[in-house]
Amino acid sequence: MADSSNNVNPAPAIDETPISPSRPNPQRKNSLEQHLKHRPVRQELVKSMMFCFESLQRNA
């Protein structure tokens, strides 16, 4: 019978590096919030989509 104590695998190393940088770029801070401030309202998007859809139907 083989001695199983020689076949012990060491525990794999755990990478504890943070996913996000510890010092975020100040230009990127709140970039989503800034982007959302300038997006069109839903009604404008719906109106624009309907206009595109109707013009495609006319040209088909």
Foldseek 3Di string as FASTA:
>chain_A
DDDCVVVDDDDDDDDPDDPDDPDDDPVCVCVVVVVVVPDDDPVVVVVVVVVVVVVVVVVD
